[in-house]
Structure formats: C-alpha cells, structure tokens
Amino acid sequence: MLRDLCSDTGPEVLREMIDSWETEARRYLATAREALSAAEHQKLKTTAHSLKGSCGNMGIVRLAELSRLLEGVVAVPAEAAALLSEMEEELLRASEQLAKISV
C-alpha cells in the first residue's frame, strides 16, 4: 500500500515517510516509558492513543493493536510495562519489514 501511494512521487518520499514514522514511534515509546515510570496515567494513555493512530495510518497493525491494549491497562503498571516491552520488540520487527519494502 505504501509503495503504491508513493509510486508517483518516487522512493525518496516513501523513505521520508518511513523515517518520520520510525522517529515518531520511538519518541512515543520513550514518552510512554517515562509516563509509566512517573505513574502519569493520563499521559501514558494519550501517548498510547497517539501511537495507535500513527501506526494505523502506516498500516502497522500489530503495533497499533498493542497500543490499543496499552490504553486499557495504564493503571496496571506490570501489564503496561509488559506491553511496552512487547511494543518495543514489535517496533523493531516493523522497522525491519519497512526497510525491505523501501529498497
């Protein structure tokens, strides 16, 4: 889908989109970790929601779903921490997959 979207504009636009998403996703995950450590439940929920939307827009379905789940467990630190770890792993997998389509 992303490749088709950028077919008229060239591969550099696709690479920019992917790079921008990856930077944003990493920032969201770092912010989520900070919010969890500080027990800032609303900030964690807002960050999870933003990441969910970002991932959904890029077609990163599994990470979007994990973000949705995180929204529901922000007040349960152990569950939130476990989900964040899984999300960080999923970001790595998604980044690897995105790197394959952008060449």
C-alpha atoms as a PDB file:
ATOM      1  CA  MET A   1       0.000   0.000   0.000  1.00  0.00           C
ATOM      2  CA  LEU A   2       2.775   2.449   0.917  1.00  0.00           C
ATOM      3  CA  ARG A   3       4.697   1.610  -2.226  1.00  0.00           C
ATOM      4  CA  ASP A   4       1.591   2.283  -4.350  1.00  0.00           C
ATOM      5  CA  LEU A   5       0.931   5.533  -2.516  1.00  0.00           C
ATOM      6  CA  CYS A   6       4.379   6.836  -3.341  1.00  0.00           C
ATOM      7  CA  SER A   7       4.702   5.444  -6.871  1.00  0.00           C
ATOM      8  CA  ASP A   8       4.102   8.849  -8.438  1.00  0.00           C
ATOM      9  CA  THR A   9       6.458  10.731  -6.139  1.00  0.00           C
ATOM     10  CA  GLY A  10       9.443   8.407  -6.052  1.00  0.00           C
ATOM     11  CA  PRO A  11      11.176   6.209  -3.483  1.00  0.00           C
ATOM     12  CA  GLU A  12      12.656   9.149  -1.578  1.00  0.00           C
ATOM     13  CA  VAL A  13       9.184  10.186  -0.394  1.00  0.00           C
ATOM     14  CA  LEU A  14       8.489   6.665   0.833  1.00  0.00           C
ATOM     15  CA  ARG A  15      11.803   6.629   2.714  1.00  0.00           C
ATOM     16  CA  GLU A  16      10.975  10.012   4.280  1.00  0.00           C
ATOM     17  CA  MET A  17       7.563   8.732   5.396  1.00  0.00           C
ATOM     18  CA  ILE A  18       9.075   5.623   6.937  1.00  0.00           C
ATOM     19  CA  ASP A  19      11.884   7.534   8.634  1.00  0.00           C
ATOM     20  CA  SER A  20       9.428  10.061  10.017  1.00  0.00           C
ATOM     21  CA  TRP A  21       7.140   7.329  11.337  1.00  0.00           C
ATOM     22  CA  GLU A  22      10.018   5.432  12.947  1.00  0.00           C
ATOM     23  CA  THR A  23      11.303   8.577  14.671  1.00  0.00           C
ATOM     24  CA  GLU A  24       7.814   9.415  15.888  1.00  0.00           C
ATOM     25  CA  ALA A  25       7.121   5.862  17.089  1.00  0.00           C
ATOM     26  CA  ARG A  26      10.399   5.725  19.020  1.00  0.00           C
ATOM     27  CA  ARG A  27       9.571   9.088  20.617  1.00  0.00           C
ATOM     28  CA  TYR A  28       6.109   7.860  21.606  1.00  0.00           C
ATOM     29  CA  LEU A  29       7.547   4.719  23.171  1.00  0.00           C
ATOM     30  CA  ALA A  30      10.136   6.717  25.116  1.00  0.00           C
ATOM     31  CA  THR A  31       7.427   9.093  26.325  1.00  0.00           C
ATOM     32  CA  ALA A  32       5.269   6.119  27.314  1.00  0.00           C
ATOM     33  CA  ARG A  33       8.134   4.627  29.338  1.00  0.00           C
ATOM     34  CA  GLU A  34       8.659   7.954  31.110  1.00  0.00           C
ATOM     35  CA  ALA A  35       4.947   8.302  31.830  1.00  0.00           C
ATOM     36  CA  LEU A  36       4.789   4.775  33.201  1.00  0.00           C
ATOM     37  CA  SER A  37       7.784   5.406  35.471  1.00  0.00           C
ATOM     38  CA  ALA A  38       6.215   8.618  36.753  1.00  0.00           C
ATOM     39  CA  ALA A  39       2.777   6.986  37.171  1.00  0.00           C
ATOM     40  CA  GLU A  40       1.290   9.609  34.832  1.00  0.00           C
ATOM     41  CA  HIS A  41      -1.644   7.500  33.687  1.00  0.00           C
ATOM     42  CA  GLN A  42      -3.313  10.120  31.516  1.00  0.00           C
ATOM     43  CA  LYS A  43      -0.073  10.944  29.716  1.00  0.00           C
ATOM     44  CA  LEU A  44       0.539   7.240  29.127  1.00  0.00           C
ATOM     45  CA  LYS A  45      -2.969   6.782  27.778  1.00  0.00           C
ATOM     46  CA  THR A  46      -2.694   9.823  25.499  1.00  0.00           C
ATOM     47  CA  THR A  47       0.683   8.668  24.201  1.00  0.00           C
ATOM     48  CA  ALA A  48      -0.619   5.144  23.547  1.00  0.00           C
ATOM     49  CA  HIS A  49      -3.569   6.621  21.680  1.00  0.00           C
ATOM     50  CA  SER A  50      -1.300   8.797  19.530  1.00  0.00           C
ATOM     51  CA  LEU A  51       0.951   5.847  18.723  1.00  0.00           C
ATOM     52  CA  LYS A  52      -2.088   3.757  17.837  1.00  0.00           C
ATOM     53  CA  GLY A  53      -3.165   6.359  15.289  1.00  0.00           C
ATOM     54  CA  SER A  54       0.308   6.759  13.844  1.00  0.00           C
ATOM     55  CA  CYS A  55       0.696   3.011  13.417  1.00  0.00           C
ATOM     56  CA  GLY A  56      -2.774   2.667  11.959  1.00  0.00           C
ATOM     57  CA  ASN A  57      -2.014   5.323   9.359  1.00  0.00           C
ATOM     58  CA  MET A  58       1.098   3.421   8.293  1.00  0.00           C
ATOM     59  CA  GLY A  59      -0.580   0.011   8.270  1.00  0.00           C
ATOM     60  CA  ILE A  60       1.458  -1.255  11.235  1.00  0.00           C
ATOM     61  CA  VAL A  61      -1.464  -3.298  12.510  1.00  0.00           C
ATOM     62  CA  ARG A  62       0.145  -5.293  15.335  1.00  0.00           C
ATOM     63  CA  LEU A  63       1.768  -2.259  16.949  1.00  0.00           C
ATOM     64  CA  ALA A  64      -1.493  -0.333  16.630  1.00  0.00           C
ATOM     65  CA  GLU A  65      -3.294  -3.179  18.402  1.00  0.00           C
ATOM     66  CA  LEU A  66      -0.707  -3.294  21.192  1.00  0.00           C
ATOM     67  CA  SER A  67      -1.112   0.456  21.603  1.00  0.00           C
ATOM     68  CA  ARG A  68      -4.873  -0.017  21.922  1.00  0.00           C
ATOM     69  CA  LEU A  69      -4.311  -2.634  24.602  1.00  0.00           C
ATOM     70  CA  LEU A  70      -1.926  -0.323  26.443  1.00  0.00           C
ATOM     71  CA  GLU A  71      -4.629   2.357  26.568  1.00  0.00           C
ATOM     72  CA  GLY A  72      -6.726  -0.049  28.621  1.00  0.00           C
ATOM     73  CA  VAL A  73      -4.105  -1.008  31.207  1.00  0.00           C
ATOM     74  CA  VAL A  74      -2.392   2.289  32.014  1.00  0.00           C
ATOM     75  CA  ALA A  75      -3.320   1.976  35.697  1.00  0.00           C
ATOM     76  CA  VAL A  76      -1.815  -1.520  35.974  1.00  0.00           C
ATOM     77  CA  PRO A  77       1.960  -0.930  35.931  1.00  0.00           C
ATOM     78  CA  ALA A  78       3.044  -4.562  35.478  1.00  0.00           C
ATOM     79  CA  GLU A  79       0.750  -5.101  32.495  1.00  0.00           C
ATOM     80  CA  ALA A  80       1.656  -1.743  30.982  1.00  0.00           C
ATOM     81  CA  ALA A  81       5.374  -2.493  31.352  1.00  0.00           C
ATOM     82  CA  ALA A  82       4.975  -5.895  29.710  1.00  0.00           C
ATOM     83  CA  LEU A  83       3.034  -4.369  26.830  1.00  0.00           C
ATOM     84  CA  LEU A  84       5.634  -1.645  26.375  1.00  0.00           C
ATOM     85  CA  SER A  85       8.359  -4.269  26.118  1.00  0.00           C
ATOM     86  CA  GLU A  86       6.338  -6.160  23.535  1.00  0.00           C
ATOM     87  CA  MET A  87       5.706  -2.906  21.670  1.00  0.00           C
ATOM     88  CA  GLU A  88       9.425  -2.117  21.563  1.00  0.00           C
ATOM     89  CA  GLU A  89      10.090  -5.547  20.066  1.00  0.00           C
ATOM     90  CA  GLU A  90       7.281  -5.076  17.574  1.00  0.00           C
ATOM     91  CA  LEU A  91       8.700  -1.715  16.529  1.00  0.00           C
ATOM     92  CA  LEU A  92      11.966  -3.445  15.663  1.00  0.00           C
ATOM     93  CA  ARG A  93      10.123  -6.063  13.590  1.00  0.00           C
ATOM     94  CA  ALA A  94       8.070  -3.408  11.830  1.00  0.00           C
ATOM     95  CA  SER A  95      11.167  -1.361  11.079  1.00  0.00           C
ATOM     96  CA  GLU A  96      12.844  -4.406   9.544  1.00  0.00           C
ATOM     97  CA  GLN A  97       9.808  -5.060   7.365  1.00  0.00           C
ATOM     98  CA  LEU A  98       9.570  -1.421   6.292  1.00  0.00           C
ATOM     99  CA  ALA A  99      13.256  -1.432   5.358  1.00  0.00           C
ATOM    100  CA  LYS A 100      12.572  -4.320   2.975  1.00  0.00           C
ATOM    101  CA  ILE A 101       9.826  -2.517   1.066  1.00  0.00           C
ATOM    102  CA  SER A 102      11.706   0.736   0.758  1.00  0.00           C
ATOM    103  CA  VAL A 103      14.632  -0.613  -1.256  1.00  0.00           C
END
